[in-house]
C-alpha cells in the first residue's frame, strides 16, 4: 500500500515536471510538480474516460502529462 502511494507520487512528480517543461514554465519545487502531476492525472483520466481512452501505463502517463499541461494553461489563463 505504501509502496504504491510512493510510486504514484513519483509518477505524478515526473508527469508534472514533464508538463512544466512542455509548457516552458519555471521548474518550481518538487512538491509543486507532484501536485501538478496528480491534479493533471485526475483531469487527464477524466478526459480520457469521456473520450473512451484508457488502459495501460503508457496511456495513463500520456493522459497525465496532457492533463497537467491543461492545468498549467488554465492556471496561467485565469490566475496569471
PDB file of N, CA and C in Angstrom:
ATOM      1  N   UNK A   1       0.831  -1.192   0.000  1.00  0.00           N
ATOM      2  CA  UNK A   1       0.000   0.000   0.000  1.00  0.00           C
ATOM      3  C   UNK A   1       0.874   1.254   0.000  1.00  0.00           C
ATOM      4  N   UNK A   2       1.829   1.319   0.901  1.00  0.00           N
ATOM      5  CA  UNK A   2       2.722   2.473   0.978  1.00  0.00           C
ATOM      6  C   UNK A   2       3.602   2.565  -0.264  1.00  0.00           C
ATOM      7  N   UNK A   3       4.022   1.409  -0.775  1.00  0.00           N
ATOM      8  CA  UNK A   3       4.867   1.390  -1.966  1.00  0.00           C
ATOM      9  C   UNK A   3       4.103   1.954  -3.161  1.00  0.00           C
ATOM     10  N   UNK A   4       2.843   1.572  -3.318  1.00  0.00           N
ATOM     11  CA  UNK A   4       2.029   2.076  -4.427  1.00  0.00           C
ATOM     12  C   UNK A   4       1.818   3.586  -4.315  1.00  0.00           C
ATOM     13  N   UNK A   5       1.634   4.073  -3.108  1.00  0.00           N
ATOM     14  CA  UNK A   5       1.487   5.512  -2.901  1.00  0.00           C
ATOM     15  C   UNK A   5       2.753   6.245  -3.321  1.00  0.00           C
ATOM     16  N   UNK A   6       3.896   5.717  -2.936  1.00  0.00           N
ATOM     17  CA  UNK A   6       5.166   6.328  -3.314  1.00  0.00           C
ATOM     18  C   UNK A   6       5.384   6.283  -4.826  1.00  0.00           C
ATOM     19  N   UNK A   7       4.989   5.188  -5.450  1.00  0.00           N
ATOM     20  CA  UNK A   7       5.107   5.073  -6.908  1.00  0.00           C
ATOM     21  C   UNK A   7       4.208   6.108  -7.582  1.00  0.00           C
ATOM     22  N   UNK A   8       2.975   6.242  -7.106  1.00  0.00           N
ATOM     23  CA  UNK A   8       2.053   7.224  -7.679  1.00  0.00           C
ATOM     24  C   UNK A   8       2.572   8.643  -7.512  1.00  0.00           C
ATOM     25  N   UNK A   9       3.137   8.955  -6.359  1.00  0.00           N
ATOM     26  CA  UNK A   9       3.707  10.282  -6.132  1.00  0.00           C
ATOM     27  C   UNK A   9       4.896  10.532  -7.052  1.00  0.00           C
ATOM     28  N   UNK A  10       5.734   9.524  -7.236  1.00  0.00           N
ATOM     29  CA  UNK A  10       6.894   9.659  -8.120  1.00  0.00           C
ATOM     30  C   UNK A  10       6.446   9.873  -9.567  1.00  0.00           C
ATOM     31  N   UNK A  11       5.486   9.094 -10.015  1.00  0.00           N
ATOM     32  CA  UNK A  11       4.977   9.244 -11.384  1.00  0.00           C
ATOM     33  C   UNK A  11       4.305  10.610 -11.537  1.00  0.00           C
ATOM     34  N   UNK A  12       3.540  11.026 -10.532  1.00  0.00           N
ATOM     35  CA  UNK A  12       2.914  12.340 -10.562  1.00  0.00           C
ATOM     36  C   UNK A  12       3.941  13.451 -10.662  1.00  0.00           C
ATOM     37  N   UNK A  13       5.011  13.329  -9.905  1.00  0.00           N
ATOM     38  CA  UNK A  13       6.081  14.326  -9.958  1.00  0.00           C
ATOM     39  C   UNK A  13       6.737  14.397 -11.320  1.00  0.00           C
ATOM     40  N   UNK A  14       6.998  13.231 -11.910  1.00  0.00           N
ATOM     41  CA  UNK A  14       7.619  13.196 -13.237  1.00  0.00           C
ATOM     42  C   UNK A  14       6.690  13.759 -14.307  1.00  0.00           C
ATOM     43  N   UNK A  15       5.409  13.452 -14.207  1.00  0.00           N
ATOM     44  CA  UNK A  15       4.444  13.991 -15.173  1.00  0.00           C
ATOM     45  C   UNK A  15       4.310  15.506 -15.006  1.00  0.00           C
ATOM     46  N   UNK A  16       4.293  15.977 -13.780  1.00  0.00           N
ATOM     47  CA  UNK A  16       4.242  17.416 -13.529  1.00  0.00           C
ATOM     48  C   UNK A  16       5.482  18.117 -14.050  1.00  0.00           C
ATOM     49  N   UNK A  17       6.651  17.510 -13.847  1.00  0.00           N
ATOM     50  CA  UNK A  17       7.902  18.064 -14.342  1.00  0.00           C
ATOM     51  C   UNK A  17       7.888  18.120 -15.871  1.00  0.00           C
ATOM     52  N   UNK A  18       7.426  17.030 -16.499  1.00  0.00           N
ATOM     53  CA  UNK A  18       7.360  16.983 -17.965  1.00  0.00           C
ATOM     54  C   UNK A  18       6.413  18.051 -18.500  1.00  0.00           C
ATOM     55  N   UNK A  19       5.258  18.209 -17.872  1.00  0.00           N
ATOM     56  CA  UNK A  19       4.299  19.229 -18.309  1.00  0.00           C
ATOM     57  C   UNK A  19       4.885  20.621 -18.143  1.00  0.00           C
ATOM     58  N   UNK A  20       5.612  20.834 -17.055  1.00  0.00           N
ATOM     59  CA  UNK A  20       6.239  22.125 -16.811  1.00  0.00           C
ATOM     60  C   UNK A  20       7.253  22.447 -17.910  1.00  0.00           C
ATOM     61  N   UNK A  21       8.011  21.447 -18.342  1.00  0.00           N
ATOM     62  CA  UNK A  21       8.986  21.642 -19.409  1.00  0.00           C
ATOM     63  C   UNK A  21       8.291  21.873 -20.751  1.00  0.00           C
ATOM     64  N   UNK A  22       7.228  21.107 -21.025  1.00  0.00           N
ATOM     65  CA  UNK A  22       6.494  21.253 -22.279  1.00  0.00           C
ATOM     66  C   UNK A  22       5.887  22.648 -22.380  1.00  0.00           C
ATOM     67  N   UNK A  23       5.346  23.132 -21.268  1.00  0.00           N
ATOM     68  CA  UNK A  23       4.692  24.444 -21.245  1.00  0.00           C
ATOM     69  C   UNK A  23       5.697  25.574 -21.015  1.00  0.00           C
ATOM     70  N   UNK A  24       6.965  25.260 -20.964  1.00  0.00           N
ATOM     71  CA  UNK A  24       8.056  26.219 -20.800  1.00  0.00           C
ATOM     72  C   UNK A  24       7.883  27.097 -19.561  1.00  0.00           C
ATOM     73  N   UNK A  25       7.571  26.439 -18.443  1.00  0.00           N
ATOM     74  CA  UNK A  25       7.445  27.143 -17.171  1.00  0.00           C
ATOM     75  C   UNK A  25       8.724  27.019 -16.373  1.00  0.00           C
ATOM     76  N   UNK A  26       8.752  27.709 -15.237  1.00  0.00           N
ATOM     77  CA  UNK A  26       9.895  27.524 -14.353  1.00  0.00           C
ATOM     78  C   UNK A  26       9.734  26.184 -13.658  1.00  0.00           C
ATOM     79  N   UNK A  27      10.821  25.558 -13.314  1.00  0.00           N
ATOM     80  CA  UNK A  27      10.774  24.210 -12.757  1.00  0.00           C
ATOM     81  C   UNK A  27       9.998  24.160 -11.456  1.00  0.00           C
ATOM     82  N   UNK A  28      10.158  25.143 -10.601  1.00  0.00           N
ATOM     83  CA  UNK A  28       9.435  25.144  -9.336  1.00  0.00           C
ATOM     84  C   UNK A  28       9.948  24.061  -8.406  1.00  0.00           C
ATOM     85  N   UNK A  29       9.204  23.807  -7.367  1.00  0.00           N
ATOM     86  CA  UNK A  29       9.623  22.824  -6.374  1.00  0.00           C
ATOM     87  C   UNK A  29       9.136  21.431  -6.752  1.00  0.00           C
ATOM     88  N   UNK A  30       9.693  20.457  -6.094  1.00  0.00           N
ATOM     89  CA  UNK A  30       9.270  19.077  -6.307  1.00  0.00           C
ATOM     90  C   UNK A  30       7.809  18.916  -5.882  1.00  0.00           C
ATOM     91  N   UNK A  31       7.426  19.536  -4.787  1.00  0.00           N
ATOM     92  CA  UNK A  31       6.045  19.445  -4.307  1.00  0.00           C
ATOM     93  C   UNK A  31       5.080  20.011  -5.346  1.00  0.00           C
ATOM     94  N   UNK A  32       5.444  21.126  -5.945  1.00  0.00           N
ATOM     95  CA  UNK A  32       4.593  21.733  -6.978  1.00  0.00           C
ATOM     96  C   UNK A  32       4.434  20.788  -8.157  1.00  0.00           C
ATOM     97  N   UNK A  33       5.517  20.150  -8.577  1.00  0.00           N
ATOM     98  CA  UNK A  33       5.449  19.214  -9.695  1.00  0.00           C
ATOM     99  C   UNK A  33       4.597  17.999  -9.354  1.00  0.00           C
ATOM    100  N   UNK A  34       4.706  17.493  -8.130  1.00  0.00           N
ATOM    101  CA  UNK A  34       3.889  16.340  -7.717  1.00  0.00           C
ATOM    102  C   UNK A  34       2.415  16.722  -7.730  1.00  0.00           C
ATOM    103  N   UNK A  35       2.090  17.873  -7.152  1.00  0.00           N
ATOM    104  CA  UNK A  35       0.692  18.315  -7.124  1.00  0.00           C
ATOM    105  C   UNK A  35       0.169  18.527  -8.535  1.00  0.00           C
ATOM    106  N   UNK A  36       0.959  19.181  -9.367  1.00  0.00           N
ATOM    107  CA  UNK A  36       0.581  19.408 -10.752  1.00  0.00           C
ATOM    108  C   UNK A  36       0.353  18.084 -11.479  1.00  0.00           C
ATOM    109  N   UNK A  37       1.238  17.121 -11.265  1.00  0.00           N
ATOM    110  CA  UNK A  37       1.097  15.813 -11.909  1.00  0.00           C
ATOM    111  C   UNK A  37      -0.118  15.047 -11.423  1.00  0.00           C
ATOM    112  N   UNK A  38      -0.390  15.105 -10.118  1.00  0.00           N
ATOM    113  CA  UNK A  38      -1.549  14.390  -9.576  1.00  0.00           C
ATOM    114  C   UNK A  38      -2.859  15.022 -10.047  1.00  0.00           C
ATOM    115  N   UNK A  39      -2.946  16.345 -10.011  1.00  0.00           N
ATOM    116  CA  UNK A  39      -4.153  17.024 -10.496  1.00  0.00           C
ATOM    117  C   UNK A  39      -4.298  16.787 -11.999  1.00  0.00           C
ATOM    118  N   UNK A  40      -3.179  16.876 -12.709  1.00  0.00           N
ATOM    119  CA  UNK A  40      -3.211  16.606 -14.146  1.00  0.00           C
ATOM    120  C   UNK A  40      -3.630  15.180 -14.463  1.00  0.00           C
ATOM    121  N   UNK A  41      -3.215  14.247 -13.619  1.00  0.00           N
ATOM    122  CA  UNK A  41      -3.636  12.856 -13.802  1.00  0.00           C
ATOM    123  C   UNK A  41      -5.138  12.695 -13.640  1.00  0.00           C
ATOM    124  N   UNK A  42      -5.699  13.387 -12.667  1.00  0.00           N
ATOM    125  CA  UNK A  42      -7.151  13.344 -12.477  1.00  0.00           C
ATOM    126  C   UNK A  42      -7.879  13.952 -13.669  1.00  0.00           C
ATOM    127  N   UNK A  43      -7.398  15.110 -14.114  1.00  0.00           N
ATOM    128  CA  UNK A  43      -8.019  15.785 -15.255  1.00  0.00           C
ATOM    129  C   UNK A  43      -7.851  14.944 -16.519  1.00  0.00           C
ATOM    130  N   UNK A  44      -6.645  14.447 -16.753  1.00  0.00           N
ATOM    131  CA  UNK A  44      -6.398  13.622 -17.930  1.00  0.00           C
ATOM    132  C   UNK A  44      -7.206  12.327 -17.915  1.00  0.00           C
ATOM    133  N   UNK A  45      -7.315  11.703 -16.743  1.00  0.00           N
ATOM    134  CA  UNK A  45      -8.122  10.484 -16.623  1.00  0.00           C
ATOM    135  C   UNK A  45      -9.587  10.750 -16.888  1.00  0.00           C
ATOM    136  N   UNK A  46     -10.083  11.877 -16.391  1.00  0.00           N
ATOM    137  CA  UNK A  46     -11.482  12.253 -16.602  1.00  0.00           C
ATOM    138  C   UNK A  46     -11.749  12.481 -18.092  1.00  0.00           C
ATOM    139  N   UNK A  47     -10.849  13.215 -18.749  1.00  0.00           N
ATOM    140  CA  UNK A  47     -10.997  13.469 -20.186  1.00  0.00           C
ATOM    141  C   UNK A  47     -10.863  12.162 -20.968  1.00  0.00           C
ATOM    142  N   UNK A  48      -9.930  11.309 -20.564  1.00  0.00           N
ATOM    143  CA  UNK A  48      -9.771  10.014 -21.218  1.00  0.00           C
ATOM    144  C   UNK A  48     -11.021   9.157 -21.117  1.00  0.00           C
ATOM    145  N   UNK A  49     -11.662   9.178 -19.945  1.00  0.00           N
ATOM    146  CA  UNK A  49     -12.908   8.427 -19.778  1.00  0.00           C
ATOM    147  C   UNK A  49     -14.021   8.995 -20.646  1.00  0.00           C
ATOM    148  N   UNK A  50     -14.092  10.316 -20.753  1.00  0.00           N
ATOM    149  CA  UNK A  50     -15.104  10.937 -21.609  1.00  0.00           C
ATOM    150  C   UNK A  50     -14.921  10.553 -23.072  1.00  0.00           C
ATOM    151  N   UNK A  51     -13.667  10.430 -23.493  1.00  0.00           N
ATOM    152  CA  UNK A  51     -13.360  10.099 -24.886  1.00  0.00           C
ATOM    153  C   UNK A  51     -13.256   8.602 -25.136  1.00  0.00           C
ATOM    154  N   UNK A  52     -13.355   7.795 -24.085  1.00  0.00           N
ATOM    155  CA  UNK A  52     -13.252   6.351 -24.230  1.00  0.00           C
ATOM    156  C   UNK A  52     -11.824   5.854 -24.386  1.00  0.00           C
ATOM    157  N   UNK A  53     -10.867   6.651 -23.918  1.00  0.00           N
ATOM    158  CA  UNK A  53      -9.453   6.277 -23.989  1.00  0.00           C
ATOM    159  C   UNK A  53      -9.036   5.782 -22.618  1.00  0.00           C
ATOM    160  N   UNK A  54      -8.319   4.698 -22.560  1.00  0.00           N
ATOM    161  CA  UNK A  54      -7.860   4.231 -21.261  1.00  0.00           C
ATOM    162  C   UNK A  54      -7.101   2.928 -21.369  1.00  0.00           C
ATOM    163  N   UNK A  55      -6.553   2.514 -20.242  1.00  0.00           N
ATOM    164  CA  UNK A  55      -5.848   1.254 -20.175  1.00  0.00           C
ATOM    165  C   UNK A  55      -4.354   1.406 -20.383  1.00  0.00           C
ATOM    166  N   UNK A  56      -3.603   0.763 -19.541  1.00  0.00           N
ATOM    167  CA  UNK A  56      -2.157   0.718 -19.698  1.00  0.00           C
ATOM    168  C   UNK A  56      -1.411   1.874 -19.057  1.00  0.00           C
ATOM    169  N   UNK A  57      -0.162   1.607 -18.751  1.00  0.00           N
ATOM    170  CA  UNK A  57       0.699   2.592 -18.102  1.00  0.00           C
ATOM    171  C   UNK A  57       1.018   3.750 -19.037  1.00  0.00           C
ATOM    172  N   UNK A  58       1.350   3.424 -20.278  1.00  0.00           N
ATOM    173  CA  UNK A  58       1.757   4.467 -21.223  1.00  0.00           C
ATOM    174  C   UNK A  58       0.608   5.435 -21.452  1.00  0.00           C
ATOM    175  N   UNK A  59      -0.573   4.915 -21.678  1.00  0.00           N
ATOM    176  CA  UNK A  59      -1.740   5.766 -21.885  1.00  0.00           C
ATOM    177  C   UNK A  59      -1.999   6.630 -20.660  1.00  0.00           C
ATOM    178  N   UNK A  60      -1.895   6.037 -19.479  1.00  0.00           N
ATOM    179  CA  UNK A  60      -2.108   6.792 -18.247  1.00  0.00           C
ATOM    180  C   UNK A  60      -1.106   7.910 -18.064  1.00  0.00           C
ATOM    181  N   UNK A  61       0.157   7.642 -18.379  1.00  0.00           N
ATOM    182  CA  UNK A  61       1.189   8.669 -18.256  1.00  0.00           C
ATOM    183  C   UNK A  61       0.962   9.780 -19.273  1.00  0.00           C
ATOM    184  N   UNK A  62       0.629   9.421 -20.510  1.00  0.00           N
ATOM    185  CA  UNK A  62       0.365  10.443 -21.527  1.00  0.00           C
ATOM    186  C   UNK A  62      -0.852  11.290 -21.169  1.00  0.00           C
ATOM    187  N   UNK A  63      -1.903  10.653 -20.661  1.00  0.00           N
ATOM    188  CA  UNK A  63      -3.081  11.404 -20.224  1.00  0.00           C
ATOM    189  C   UNK A  63      -2.747  12.315 -19.048  1.00  0.00           C
ATOM    190  N   UNK A  64      -1.908  11.841 -18.149  1.00  0.00           N
ATOM    191  CA  UNK A  64      -1.499  12.646 -17.002  1.00  0.00           C
ATOM    192  C   UNK A  64      -0.687  13.859 -17.434  1.00  0.00           C
ATOM    193  N   UNK A  65       0.226  13.675 -18.358  1.00  0.00           N
ATOM    194  CA  UNK A  65       1.022  14.798 -18.863  1.00  0.00           C
ATOM    195  C   UNK A  65       0.117  15.789 -19.605  1.00  0.00           C
ATOM    196  N   UNK A  66      -0.775  15.269 -20.429  1.00  0.00           N
ATOM    197  CA  UNK A  66      -1.712  16.141 -21.144  1.00  0.00           C
ATOM    198  C   UNK A  66      -2.616  16.907 -20.196  1.00  0.00           C
ATOM    199  N   UNK A  67      -3.120  16.221 -19.172  1.00  0.00           N
ATOM    200  CA  UNK A  67      -3.947  16.884 -18.170  1.00  0.00           C
ATOM    201  C   UNK A  67      -3.163  17.925 -17.395  1.00  0.00           C
ATOM    202  N   UNK A  68      -1.909  17.633 -17.097  1.00  0.00           N
ATOM    203  CA  UNK A  68      -1.054  18.595 -16.392  1.00  0.00           C
ATOM    204  C   UNK A  68      -0.809  19.832 -17.247  1.00  0.00           C
ATOM    205  N   UNK A  69      -0.590  19.634 -18.542  1.00  0.00           N
ATOM    206  CA  UNK A  69      -0.414  20.781 -19.443  1.00  0.00           C
ATOM    207  C   UNK A  69      -1.678  21.628 -19.469  1.00  0.00           C
ATOM    208  N   UNK A  70      -2.830  20.984 -19.491  1.00  0.00           N
ATOM    209  CA  UNK A  70      -4.094  21.715 -19.465  1.00  0.00           C
ATOM    210  C   UNK A  70      -4.248  22.502 -18.173  1.00  0.00           C
ATOM    211  N   UNK A  71      -3.886  21.908 -17.050  1.00  0.00           N
ATOM    212  CA  UNK A  71      -3.966  22.598 -15.757  1.00  0.00           C
ATOM    213  C   UNK A  71      -3.025  23.802 -15.742  1.00  0.00           C
ATOM    214  N   UNK A  72      -1.807  23.636 -16.256  1.00  0.00           N
ATOM    215  CA  UNK A  72      -0.859  24.754 -16.317  1.00  0.00           C
ATOM    216  C   UNK A  72      -1.439  25.880 -17.165  1.00  0.00           C
ATOM    217  N   UNK A  73      -1.998  25.540 -18.307  1.00  0.00           N
ATOM    218  CA  UNK A  73      -2.579  26.553 -19.192  1.00  0.00           C
ATOM    219  C   UNK A  73      -3.733  27.279 -18.505  1.00  0.00           C
ATOM    220  N   UNK A  74      -4.618  26.523 -17.845  1.00  0.00           N
ATOM    221  CA  UNK A  74      -5.751  27.140 -17.159  1.00  0.00           C
ATOM    222  C   UNK A  74      -5.301  28.068 -16.029  1.00  0.00           C
ATOM    223  N   UNK A  75      -4.303  27.635 -15.265  1.00  0.00           N
ATOM    224  CA  UNK A  75      -3.790  28.467 -14.169  1.00  0.00           C
ATOM    225  C   UNK A  75      -3.204  29.752 -14.734  1.00  0.00           C
ATOM    226  N   UNK A  76      -2.439  29.642 -15.802  1.00  0.00           N
ATOM    227  CA  UNK A  76      -1.858  30.840 -16.412  1.00  0.00           C
ATOM    228  C   UNK A  76      -2.946  31.760 -16.958  1.00  0.00           C
ATOM    229  N   UNK A  77      -3.963  31.181 -17.547  1.00  0.00           N
ATOM    230  CA  UNK A  77      -5.037  31.958 -18.164  1.00  0.00           C
ATOM    231  C   UNK A  77      -5.842  32.728 -17.122  1.00  0.00           C
ATOM    232  N   UNK A  78      -6.175  32.076 -16.006  1.00  0.00           N
ATOM    233  CA  UNK A  78      -7.081  32.690 -15.043  1.00  0.00           C
ATOM    234  C   UNK A  78      -6.397  33.323 -13.836  1.00  0.00           C
ATOM    235  N   UNK A  79      -5.178  32.903 -13.524  1.00  0.00           N
ATOM    236  CA  UNK A  79      -4.504  33.447 -12.354  1.00  0.00           C
ATOM    237  C   UNK A  79      -3.258  34.244 -12.687  1.00  0.00           C
ATOM    238  N   UNK A  80      -2.787  34.145 -13.891  1.00  0.00           N
ATOM    239  CA  UNK A  80      -1.511  34.773 -14.104  1.00  0.00           C
ATOM    240  C   UNK A  80      -1.381  35.624 -15.276  1.00  0.00           C
TER     241      UNK A  80
END
